[in-house]
C-alpha atoms as a PDB file:
ATOM      1  CA  MET A   1      22.398 -12.754   5.288  1.00  0.00           C
ATOM      2  CA  ASN A   2      21.890 -14.297   8.670  1.00  0.00           C
ATOM      3  CA  THR A   3      25.142 -13.013   9.317  1.00  0.00           C
ATOM      4  CA  ILE A   4      24.351  -9.278   9.059  1.00  0.00           C
ATOM      5  CA  ALA A   5      21.324  -9.945  10.919  1.00  0.00           C
ATOM      6  CA  SER A   6      23.363 -11.252  13.761  1.00  0.00           C
ATOM      7  CA  LEU A   7      26.036  -8.196  13.368  1.00  0.00           C
ATOM      8  CA  HIS A   8      23.566  -5.966  14.017  1.00  0.00           C
ATOM      9  CA  ALA A   9      21.789  -8.019  16.767  1.00  0.00           C
ATOM     10  CA  HIS A  10      25.230  -8.050  18.746  1.00  0.00           C
ATOM     11  CA  ALA A  11      26.028  -4.495  18.159  1.00  0.00           C
ATOM     12  CA  SER A  12      27.662  -2.597  21.155  1.00  0.00           C
ATOM     13  CA  PRO A  13      25.498  -0.431  23.417  1.00  0.00           C
ATOM     14  CA  ALA A  14      27.184   2.302  22.285  1.00  0.00           C
ATOM     15  CA  ALA A  15      26.480   1.635  18.513  1.00  0.00           C
ATOM     16  CA  ARG A  16      23.067   0.775  19.160  1.00  0.00           C
ATOM     17  CA  LEU A  17      22.600   3.885  21.188  1.00  0.00           C
ATOM     18  CA  ALA A  18      24.144   6.025  18.273  1.00  0.00           C
ATOM     19  CA  ARG A  19      21.885   4.432  15.475  1.00  0.00           C
ATOM     20  CA  TRP A  20      19.011   5.396  17.945  1.00  0.00           C
ATOM     21  CA  LEU A  21      19.682   8.684  18.092  1.00  0.00           C
ATOM     22  CA  ARG A  22      20.536   9.374  14.409  1.00  0.00           C
ATOM     23  CA  ALA A  23      17.348   7.885  13.495  1.00  0.00           C
ATOM     24  CA  ALA A  24      15.340   9.993  16.330  1.00  0.00           C
ATOM     25  CA  ALA A  25      17.098  13.066  15.120  1.00  0.00           C
ATOM     26  CA  GLU A  26      15.992  12.177  11.324  1.00  0.00           C
ATOM     27  CA  ARG A  27      12.391  11.670  13.008  1.00  0.00           C
ATOM     28  CA  VAL A  28      12.444  15.001  14.876  1.00  0.00           C
ATOM     29  CA  GLY A  29      13.248  16.579  11.580  1.00  0.00           C
ATOM     30  CA  GLY A  30      10.399  15.347   9.596  1.00  0.00           C
ATOM     31  CA  VAL A  31       7.723  16.046  12.392  1.00  0.00           C
ATOM     32  CA  SER A  32       9.081  19.830  12.769  1.00  0.00           C
ATOM     33  CA  LEU A  33       8.414  20.046   8.880  1.00  0.00           C
ATOM     34  CA  LEU A  34       5.023  18.351   9.141  1.00  0.00           C
ATOM     35  CA  VAL A  35       4.396  20.415  12.213  1.00  0.00           C
ATOM     36  CA  LEU A  36       5.464  23.857  10.505  1.00  0.00           C
ATOM     37  CA  LEU A  37       3.105  22.850   7.786  1.00  0.00           C
ATOM     38  CA  LEU A  38      -0.122  22.329   9.782  1.00  0.00           C
ATOM     39  CA  VAL A  39       0.496  25.673  11.515  1.00  0.00           C
ATOM     40  CA  LEU A  40       0.865  27.407   8.374  1.00  0.00           C
ATOM     41  CA  TRP A  41      -2.470  25.835   7.169  1.00  0.00           C
ATOM     42  CA  GLU A  42      -3.997  27.561  10.534  1.00  0.00           C
ATOM     43  CA  ILE A  43      -2.612  30.885  10.236  1.00  0.00           C
ATOM     44  CA  SER A  44      -3.305  31.133   6.162  1.00  0.00           C
ATOM     45  CA  ALA A  45      -6.685  30.130   6.410  1.00  0.00           C
ATOM     46  CA  ARG A  46      -7.595  32.763   9.683  1.00  0.00           C
ATOM     47  CA  TYR A  47      -5.183  35.545   8.417  1.00  0.00           C
ATOM     48  CA  TRP A  48      -4.428  35.445   4.925  1.00  0.00           C
ATOM     49  CA  THR A  49      -7.759  34.369   3.342  1.00  0.00           C
ATOM     50  CA  SER A  50     -11.366  34.551   4.247  1.00  0.00           C
ATOM     51  CA  SER A  51     -12.594  31.889   2.003  1.00  0.00           C
ATOM     52  CA  ALA A  52     -15.022  29.494   3.187  1.00  0.00           C
ATOM     53  CA  ASN A  53     -13.294  26.594   1.151  1.00  0.00           C
ATOM     54  CA  TRP A  54     -10.037  27.108   3.284  1.00  0.00           C
ATOM     55  CA  PRO A  55     -11.290  26.242   6.810  1.00  0.00           C
ATOM     56  CA  PRO A  56      -8.530  26.609   9.533  1.00  0.00           C
ATOM     57  CA  LEU A  57      -7.404  23.285  10.673  1.00  0.00           C
ATOM     58  CA  SER A  58      -8.902  23.522  14.149  1.00  0.00           C
ATOM     59  CA  ALA A  59     -12.136  23.347  12.609  1.00  0.00           C
ATOM     60  CA  VAL A  60     -10.942  20.746  10.007  1.00  0.00           C
ATOM     61  CA  LEU A  61     -10.208  18.496  13.357  1.00  0.00           C
ATOM     62  CA  SER A  62     -13.241  19.328  15.000  1.00  0.00           C
ATOM     63  CA  ALA A  63     -15.232  18.148  12.070  1.00  0.00           C
ATOM     64  CA  LEU A  64     -13.164  14.937  11.880  1.00  0.00           C
ATOM     65  CA  VAL A  65     -14.243  14.318  15.488  1.00  0.00           C
ATOM     66  CA  ARG A  66     -17.639  15.325  14.987  1.00  0.00           C
ATOM     67  CA  GLY A  67     -17.853  13.071  11.905  1.00  0.00           C
ATOM     68  CA  LEU A  68     -16.536   9.859  13.628  1.00  0.00           C
ATOM     69  CA  ALA A  69     -18.730  10.364  16.825  1.00  0.00           C
ATOM     70  CA  ALA A  70     -21.674  10.710  14.581  1.00  0.00           C
ATOM     71  CA  ASP A  71     -20.889   7.685  12.566  1.00  0.00           C
ATOM     72  CA  GLU A  72     -21.108   9.444   9.372  1.00  0.00           C
ATOM     73  CA  LEU A  73     -17.490   9.354   8.667  1.00  0.00           C
ATOM     74  CA  ALA A  74     -16.590   6.342  10.265  1.00  0.00           C
ATOM     75  CA  GLN A  75     -19.298   4.269   8.621  1.00  0.00           C
ATOM     76  CA  ALA A  76     -17.852   5.287   5.323  1.00  0.00           C
ATOM     77  CA  TYR A  77     -14.158   4.989   6.513  1.00  0.00           C
ATOM     78  CA  ALA A  78     -14.888   1.082   7.635  1.00  0.00           C
ATOM     79  CA  SER A  79     -16.775   0.375   4.024  1.00  0.00           C
ATOM     80  CA  SER A  80     -13.728   1.815   2.549  1.00  0.00           C
ATOM     81  CA  MET A  81     -11.406  -0.141   4.169  1.00  0.00           C
ATOM     82  CA  TRP A  82     -13.204  -3.563   3.849  1.00  0.00           C
ATOM     83  CA  ARG A  83     -13.005  -2.862   0.365  1.00  0.00           C
ATOM     84  CA  MET A  84      -9.568  -1.799   0.053  1.00  0.00           C
ATOM     85  CA  LEU A  85      -8.246  -4.955   2.418  1.00  0.00           C
ATOM     86  CA  ALA A  86     -10.785  -7.347   0.317  1.00  0.00           C
ATOM     87  CA  GLY A  87      -9.089  -6.347  -3.116  1.00  0.00           C
ATOM     88  CA  TYR A  88      -5.467  -6.001  -1.992  1.00  0.00           C
ATOM     89  CA  LEU A  89      -5.641  -9.421  -0.665  1.00  0.00           C
ATOM     90  CA  ILE A  90      -6.712 -10.721  -3.785  1.00  0.00           C
ATOM     91  CA  GLY A  91      -4.812  -8.768  -5.919  1.00  0.00           C
ATOM     92  CA  GLY A  92      -1.825  -9.684  -3.767  1.00  0.00           C
ATOM     93  CA  ILE A  93      -2.299 -13.499  -3.973  1.00  0.00           C
ATOM     94  CA  ALA A  94      -2.921 -13.519  -7.696  1.00  0.00           C
ATOM     95  CA  GLY A  95       0.138 -11.001  -8.223  1.00  0.00           C
ATOM     96  CA  VAL A  96       2.337 -13.704  -6.500  1.00  0.00           C
ATOM     97  CA  LEU A  97       1.071 -16.824  -7.891  1.00  0.00           C
ATOM     98  CA  ILE A  98       1.208 -15.929 -11.301  1.00  0.00           C
ATOM     99  CA  GLY A  99       4.454 -13.980 -10.663  1.00  0.00           C
ATOM    100  CA  VAL A 100       6.182 -17.116  -9.904  1.00  0.00           C
ATOM    101  CA  ALA A 101       4.400 -19.452 -12.332  1.00  0.00           C
ATOM    102  CA  MET A 102       5.647 -16.865 -15.412  1.00  0.00           C
ATOM    103  CA  ALA A 103       9.174 -16.906 -13.888  1.00  0.00           C
ATOM    104  CA  ARG A 104       9.424 -20.974 -13.396  1.00  0.00           C
ATOM    105  CA  SER A 105       7.635 -21.775 -16.714  1.00  0.00           C
ATOM    106  CA  ARG A 106       8.665 -20.974 -20.128  1.00  0.00           C
ATOM    107  CA  LEU A 107       4.970 -22.137 -20.819  1.00  0.00           C
ATOM    108  CA  ALA A 108       3.290 -19.780 -18.602  1.00  0.00           C
ATOM    109  CA  TYR A 109       5.288 -16.968 -19.252  1.00  0.00           C
ATOM    110  CA  ALA A 110       4.586 -17.429 -23.022  1.00  0.00           C
ATOM    111  CA  ALA A 111       0.890 -17.766 -22.543  1.00  0.00           C
ATOM    112  CA  LEU A 112       0.274 -14.909 -20.434  1.00  0.00           C
ATOM    113  CA  GLU A 113       3.195 -12.239 -20.897  1.00  0.00           C
ATOM    114  CA  PRO A 114       1.330 -10.431 -23.999  1.00  0.00           C
ATOM    115  CA  SER A 115      -1.830 -10.335 -21.569  1.00  0.00           C
ATOM    116  CA  VAL A 116       0.024  -8.728 -18.623  1.00  0.00           C
ATOM    117  CA  GLU A 117       1.965  -6.191 -20.768  1.00  0.00           C
ATOM    118  CA  LEU A 118      -1.540  -5.092 -22.456  1.00  0.00           C
ATOM    119  CA  LEU A 119      -3.626  -4.930 -19.098  1.00  0.00           C
ATOM    120  CA  ARG A 120      -0.699  -3.320 -17.215  1.00  0.00           C
ATOM    121  CA  PRO A 121      -0.492  -0.057 -18.439  1.00  0.00           C
ATOM    122  CA  ILE A 122      -4.403   0.607 -18.413  1.00  0.00           C
ATOM    123  CA  PRO A 123      -5.502   2.807 -15.499  1.00  0.00           C
ATOM    124  CA  ALA A 124      -8.161   1.465 -13.136  1.00  0.00           C
ATOM    125  CA  PRO A 125     -10.460   4.252 -13.528  1.00  0.00           C
ATOM    126  CA  ALA A 126     -10.473   3.635 -17.490  1.00  0.00           C
ATOM    127  CA  ILE A 127     -12.195   0.366 -16.927  1.00  0.00           C
ATOM    128  CA  VAL A 128     -15.046   1.724 -14.717  1.00  0.00           C
ATOM    129  CA  PRO A 129     -17.606   2.388 -17.315  1.00  0.00           C
ATOM    130  CA  PRO A 130     -17.683  -1.281 -18.885  1.00  0.00           C
ATOM    131  CA  LEU A 131     -17.175  -2.761 -15.363  1.00  0.00           C
ATOM    132  CA  ILE A 132     -20.112  -1.369 -14.300  1.00  0.00           C
ATOM    133  CA  LEU A 133     -22.306  -2.695 -16.954  1.00  0.00           C
ATOM    134  CA  ILE A 134     -20.833  -6.015 -15.943  1.00  0.00           C
ATOM    135  CA  LEU A 135     -20.550  -5.690 -11.880  1.00  0.00           C
ATOM    136  CA  GLY A 136     -22.907  -3.021 -11.256  1.00  0.00           C
ATOM    137  CA  ILE A 137     -21.985  -0.126  -8.698  1.00  0.00           C
ATOM    138  CA  ASP A 138     -21.534  -2.066  -5.676  1.00  0.00           C
ATOM    139  CA  ASP A 139     -18.708  -3.455  -3.820  1.00  0.00           C
ATOM    140  CA  ALA A 140     -18.050  -6.187  -6.544  1.00  0.00           C
ATOM    141  CA  LEU A 141     -16.747  -3.185  -9.059  1.00  0.00           C
ATOM    142  CA  LYS A 142     -14.392  -1.461  -6.180  1.00  0.00           C
ATOM    143  CA  ILE A 143     -13.268  -5.031  -5.065  1.00  0.00           C
ATOM    144  CA  PHE A 144     -12.260  -5.817  -8.462  1.00  0.00           C
ATOM    145  CA  LEU A 145     -10.913  -2.682  -9.428  1.00  0.00           C
ATOM    146  CA  VAL A 146      -8.299  -2.418  -6.239  1.00  0.00           C
ATOM    147  CA  ALA A 147      -7.621  -5.969  -7.009  1.00  0.00           C
ATOM    148  CA  PHE A 148      -6.695  -5.372 -10.705  1.00  0.00           C
ATOM    149  CA  ALA A 149      -4.740  -2.451  -9.846  1.00  0.00           C
ATOM    150  CA  THR A 150      -2.908  -4.126  -6.803  1.00  0.00           C
ATOM    151  CA  ALA A 151      -2.001  -7.452  -8.868  1.00  0.00           C
ATOM    152  CA  PHE A 152       0.631  -6.056 -11.334  1.00  0.00           C
ATOM    153  CA  PRO A 153       3.148  -4.256  -8.945  1.00  0.00           C
ATOM    154  CA  VAL A 154       3.236  -7.724  -6.821  1.00  0.00           C
ATOM    155  CA  LEU A 155       3.472  -9.910 -10.224  1.00  0.00           C
ATOM    156  CA  ILE A 156       6.392  -7.982 -11.561  1.00  0.00           C
ATOM    157  CA  ASN A 157       8.164  -7.633  -8.393  1.00  0.00           C
ATOM    158  CA  THR A 158       7.678 -11.307  -7.968  1.00  0.00           C
ATOM    159  CA  MET A 159       8.799 -12.472 -11.226  1.00  0.00           C
ATOM    160  CA  GLN A 160      12.148 -10.195 -10.826  1.00  0.00           C
ATOM    161  CA  GLY A 161      12.551 -11.984  -7.452  1.00  0.00           C
ATOM    162  CA  VAL A 162      12.184 -15.314  -8.525  1.00  0.00           C
ATOM    163  CA  ARG A 163      14.480 -14.875 -11.396  1.00  0.00           C
ATOM    164  CA  ALA A 164      17.180 -13.030  -9.174  1.00  0.00           C
ATOM    165  CA  VAL A 165      17.490 -16.347  -7.147  1.00  0.00           C
ATOM    166  CA  ASP A 166      21.207 -17.423  -6.701  1.00  0.00           C
ATOM    167  CA  PRO A 167      21.660 -19.843  -9.499  1.00  0.00           C
ATOM    168  CA  THR A 168      24.192 -21.820  -7.197  1.00  0.00           C
ATOM    169  CA  LEU A 169      21.363 -22.583  -4.630  1.00  0.00           C
ATOM    170  CA  LEU A 170      19.014 -23.883  -7.349  1.00  0.00           C
ATOM    171  CA  ALA A 171      22.394 -25.982  -8.887  1.00  0.00           C
ATOM    172  CA  VAL A 172      22.872 -27.597  -5.279  1.00  0.00           C
ATOM    173  CA  ALA A 173      19.040 -28.338  -5.055  1.00  0.00           C
ATOM    174  CA  ARG A 174      19.283 -30.255  -8.294  1.00  0.00           C
ATOM    175  CA  THR A 175      22.465 -32.011  -7.303  1.00  0.00           C
ATOM    176  CA  PHE A 176      20.823 -33.322  -4.113  1.00  0.00           C
ATOM    177  CA  ARG A 177      17.828 -34.234  -5.945  1.00  0.00           C
ATOM    178  CA  VAL A 178      15.408 -31.884  -4.529  1.00  0.00           C
ATOM    179  CA  GLY A 179      11.705 -31.779  -5.967  1.00  0.00           C
ATOM    180  CA  ARG A 180      10.632 -28.813  -7.687  1.00  0.00           C
ATOM    181  CA  ARG A 181       7.683 -28.324  -4.862  1.00  0.00           C
ATOM    182  CA  ARG A 182      10.409 -28.244  -2.160  1.00  0.00           C
ATOM    183  CA  THR A 183      12.632 -26.146  -4.140  1.00  0.00           C
ATOM    184  CA  LEU A 184      10.146 -23.727  -4.584  1.00  0.00           C
ATOM    185  CA  GLN A 185       9.092 -23.795  -0.870  1.00  0.00           C
ATOM    186  CA  GLN A 186      12.310 -23.888   0.826  1.00  0.00           C
ATOM    187  CA  ILE A 187      14.348 -21.713  -1.939  1.00  0.00           C
ATOM    188  CA  VAL A 188      12.787 -19.809  -4.342  1.00  0.00           C
ATOM    189  CA  LEU A 189      10.158 -18.225  -2.299  1.00  0.00           C
ATOM    190  CA  PRO A 190      12.038 -17.373   0.768  1.00  0.00           C
ATOM    191  CA  ALA A 191      14.951 -15.788  -1.341  1.00  0.00           C
ATOM    192  CA  SER A 192      12.575 -13.879  -3.239  1.00  0.00           C
ATOM    193  CA  LEU A 193      10.395 -12.609  -0.316  1.00  0.00           C
ATOM    194  CA  PRO A 194      12.251  -8.961  -0.508  1.00  0.00           C
ATOM    195  CA  TYR A 195      10.868  -8.783  -3.902  1.00  0.00           C
ATOM    196  CA  VAL A 196       7.608  -9.765  -2.979  1.00  0.00           C
ATOM    197  CA  PHE A 197       7.468  -7.163  -0.122  1.00  0.00           C
ATOM    198  CA  ALA A 198       8.388  -4.280  -2.227  1.00  0.00           C
ATOM    199  CA  GLY A 199       5.850  -4.993  -4.855  1.00  0.00           C
ATOM    200  CA  LEU A 200       3.292  -5.577  -1.673  1.00  0.00           C
ATOM    201  CA  ARG A 201       4.101  -1.980  -0.280  1.00  0.00           C
ATOM    202  CA  VAL A 202       3.750  -0.232  -3.346  1.00  0.00           C
ATOM    203  CA  SER A 203       0.595  -2.023  -3.877  1.00  0.00           C
ATOM    204  CA  LEU A 204      -0.686  -0.881  -0.521  1.00  0.00           C
ATOM    205  CA  ALA A 205      -0.811   2.841  -1.302  1.00  0.00           C
ATOM    206  CA  LEU A 206      -2.164   1.985  -5.105  1.00  0.00           C
ATOM    207  CA  ALA A 207      -4.847  -0.206  -3.100  1.00  0.00           C
ATOM    208  CA  LEU A 208      -5.884   2.929  -0.722  1.00  0.00           C
ATOM    209  CA  ILE A 209      -5.975   5.190  -3.809  1.00  0.00           C
ATOM    210  CA  VAL A 210      -7.770   2.976  -6.093  1.00  0.00           C
ATOM    211  CA  THR A 211     -10.530   2.409  -3.531  1.00  0.00           C
ATOM    212  CA  ILE A 212     -11.253   6.188  -2.933  1.00  0.00           C
ATOM    213  CA  VAL A 213     -11.123   6.987  -6.871  1.00  0.00           C
ATOM    214  CA  ALA A 214     -13.851   4.029  -7.352  1.00  0.00           C
ATOM    215  CA  GLU A 215     -15.798   5.536  -4.590  1.00  0.00           C
ATOM    216  CA  MET A 216     -15.974   8.937  -6.034  1.00  0.00           C
ATOM    217  CA  ILE A 217     -16.811   7.881  -9.669  1.00  0.00           C
ATOM    218  CA  ALA A 218     -19.141   5.036  -9.144  1.00  0.00           C
ATOM    219  CA  GLY A 219     -19.753   4.780  -5.549  1.00  0.00           C
ATOM    220  CA  SER A 220     -23.028   5.275  -3.012  1.00  0.00           C
ATOM    221  CA  ALA A 221     -20.759   4.691  -0.002  1.00  0.00           C
ATOM    222  CA  GLY A 222     -17.196   4.825   1.176  1.00  0.00           C
ATOM    223  CA  ILE A 223     -15.035   7.606   1.877  1.00  0.00           C
ATOM    224  CA  GLY A 224     -14.558   8.503  -1.732  1.00  0.00           C
ATOM    225  CA  TYR A 225     -18.333   9.002  -1.829  1.00  0.00           C
ATOM    226  CA  TYR A 226     -18.157  11.183   1.314  1.00  0.00           C
ATOM    227  CA  LEU A 227     -15.786  13.374  -0.037  1.00  0.00           C
ATOM    228  CA  ILE A 228     -18.152  14.340  -2.734  1.00  0.00           C
ATOM    229  CA  SER A 229     -20.999  14.340  -1.084  1.00  0.00           C
ATOM    230  CA  MET A 230     -19.218  17.052   1.348  1.00  0.00           C
ATOM    231  CA  GLN A 231     -18.384  18.921  -1.614  1.00  0.00           C
ATOM    232  CA  TYR A 232     -21.756  19.356  -3.359  1.00  0.00           C
ATOM    233  CA  ALA A 233     -23.057  19.991   0.238  1.00  0.00           C
ATOM    234  CA  MET A 234     -20.390  23.272   0.644  1.00  0.00           C
ATOM    235  CA  ARG A 235     -19.197  21.331   3.879  1.00  0.00           C
ATOM    236  CA  ALA A 236     -15.406  21.959   3.286  1.00  0.00           C
ATOM    237  CA  ALA A 237     -14.235  21.499   6.957  1.00  0.00           C
ATOM    238  CA  ASP A 238     -15.814  17.897   6.587  1.00  0.00           C
ATOM    239  CA  MET A 239     -14.533  17.524   3.221  1.00  0.00           C
ATOM    240  CA  TYR A 240     -10.848  18.349   4.255  1.00  0.00           C
ATOM    241  CA  ALA A 241     -11.456  16.089   7.358  1.00  0.00           C
ATOM    242  CA  GLY A 242     -11.943  12.932   5.029  1.00  0.00           C
ATOM    243  CA  VAL A 243      -9.137  13.796   3.372  1.00  0.00           C
ATOM    244  CA  LEU A 244      -6.998  14.258   6.468  1.00  0.00           C
ATOM    245  CA  LEU A 245      -8.511  10.732   8.002  1.00  0.00           C
ATOM    246  CA  ILE A 246      -7.070   9.026   4.495  1.00  0.00           C
ATOM    247  CA  ALA A 247      -3.906  10.703   4.686  1.00  0.00           C
ATOM    248  CA  VAL A 248      -3.375   9.526   8.434  1.00  0.00           C
ATOM    249  CA  THR A 249      -4.383   5.872   6.797  1.00  0.00           C
ATOM    250  CA  GLY A 250      -1.785   5.843   4.396  1.00  0.00           C
ATOM    251  CA  TYR A 251       0.917   6.665   6.646  1.00  0.00           C
ATOM    252  CA  LEU A 252      -0.313   4.086   9.350  1.00  0.00           C
ATOM    253  CA  LEU A 253      -0.676   1.228   6.808  1.00  0.00           C
ATOM    254  CA  ASN A 254       2.837   2.147   5.292  1.00  0.00           C
ATOM    255  CA  THR A 255       4.251   2.161   9.146  1.00  0.00           C
ATOM    256  CA  ILE A 256       2.309  -1.168   9.921  1.00  0.00           C
ATOM    257  CA  PHE A 257       3.712  -2.964   6.658  1.00  0.00           C
ATOM    258  CA  ILE A 258       7.261  -1.993   7.383  1.00  0.00           C
ATOM    259  CA  ALA A 259       6.923  -3.486  11.066  1.00  0.00           C
ATOM    260  CA  ILE A 260       5.713  -6.848   9.413  1.00  0.00           C
ATOM    261  CA  GLU A 261       8.396  -6.624   6.939  1.00  0.00           C
ATOM    262  CA  ARG A 262      10.922  -6.186   9.410  1.00  0.00           C
ATOM    263  CA  ARG A 263       9.580  -9.308  11.362  1.00  0.00           C
ATOM    264  CA  VAL A 264       9.413 -11.467   8.432  1.00  0.00           C
ATOM    265  CA  LEU A 265      12.572 -10.140   6.591  1.00  0.00           C
ATOM    266  CA  PRO A 266      15.025  -9.356   9.700  1.00  0.00           C
ATOM    267  CA  TRP A 267      17.907  -9.781   7.986  1.00  0.00           C
ATOM    268  CA  TYR A 268      16.745  -7.980   4.804  1.00  0.00           C
ATOM    269  CA  SER A 269      15.835  -5.102   6.947  1.00  0.00           C
ATOM    270  CA  ALA A 270      18.619  -4.874   8.935  1.00  0.00           C
ATOM    271  CA  ASP A 271      20.994  -4.797   5.981  1.00  0.00           C
ATOM    272  CA  SER A 272      18.550  -1.676   4.398  1.00  0.00           C
ATOM    273  CA  THR A 273      18.989   0.753   7.821  1.00  0.00           C
END
């Protein structure tokens, strides 16, 4: 793994330039398609339909700037991000801990596997009604829903990653009488990190989705509640501004996550490109 990373790091300038040009060409193609879709949005709203429910992109961008400047949209967005990140952190930690325990202990697997497989297929919105009776409709409900939805992808990926550790490494650790704790810290967890990060990346998108849905179903604040309010108020441009903000947020979160993954797992990221 380190060898792969060193080969990429010491590639010739020509090879690095060729890779950069190829990546730039791919990125230009993707951006061009996005720009084309946005232009079609503007043209279709101005010339192909006169519906007030399909405002042009320029009106949506104006509503976005106005909403952020007036703090109406900014406050809703900030509260949603707080709930999402809190639930994501709790769910991610729980998923890693339970996944490692189930993969390393037959007793833990036997005890937890039925519950995990029973709860895992349940959509997060389906448990909103009973949770309202227990947690109310405040932050606790949304944070729990996000943690519930995000824990399972991390758990399953962590469990698979721990089980995929090279048996030779574990055999060497046993031969040198390395303790279980050191084996876990220095061999098992580092080797399973690519799987853990894969689960965390999937859960990041889920966390954003579940946060918005929870605020739509049982919310009095947040970007999800903001979208419903704008729909009822027939403020289509403001509603689409919220949707656009969510889309940009999802893209930025994924970009930040990839950058972190490349820094934490340079050998894996280099091998994946």
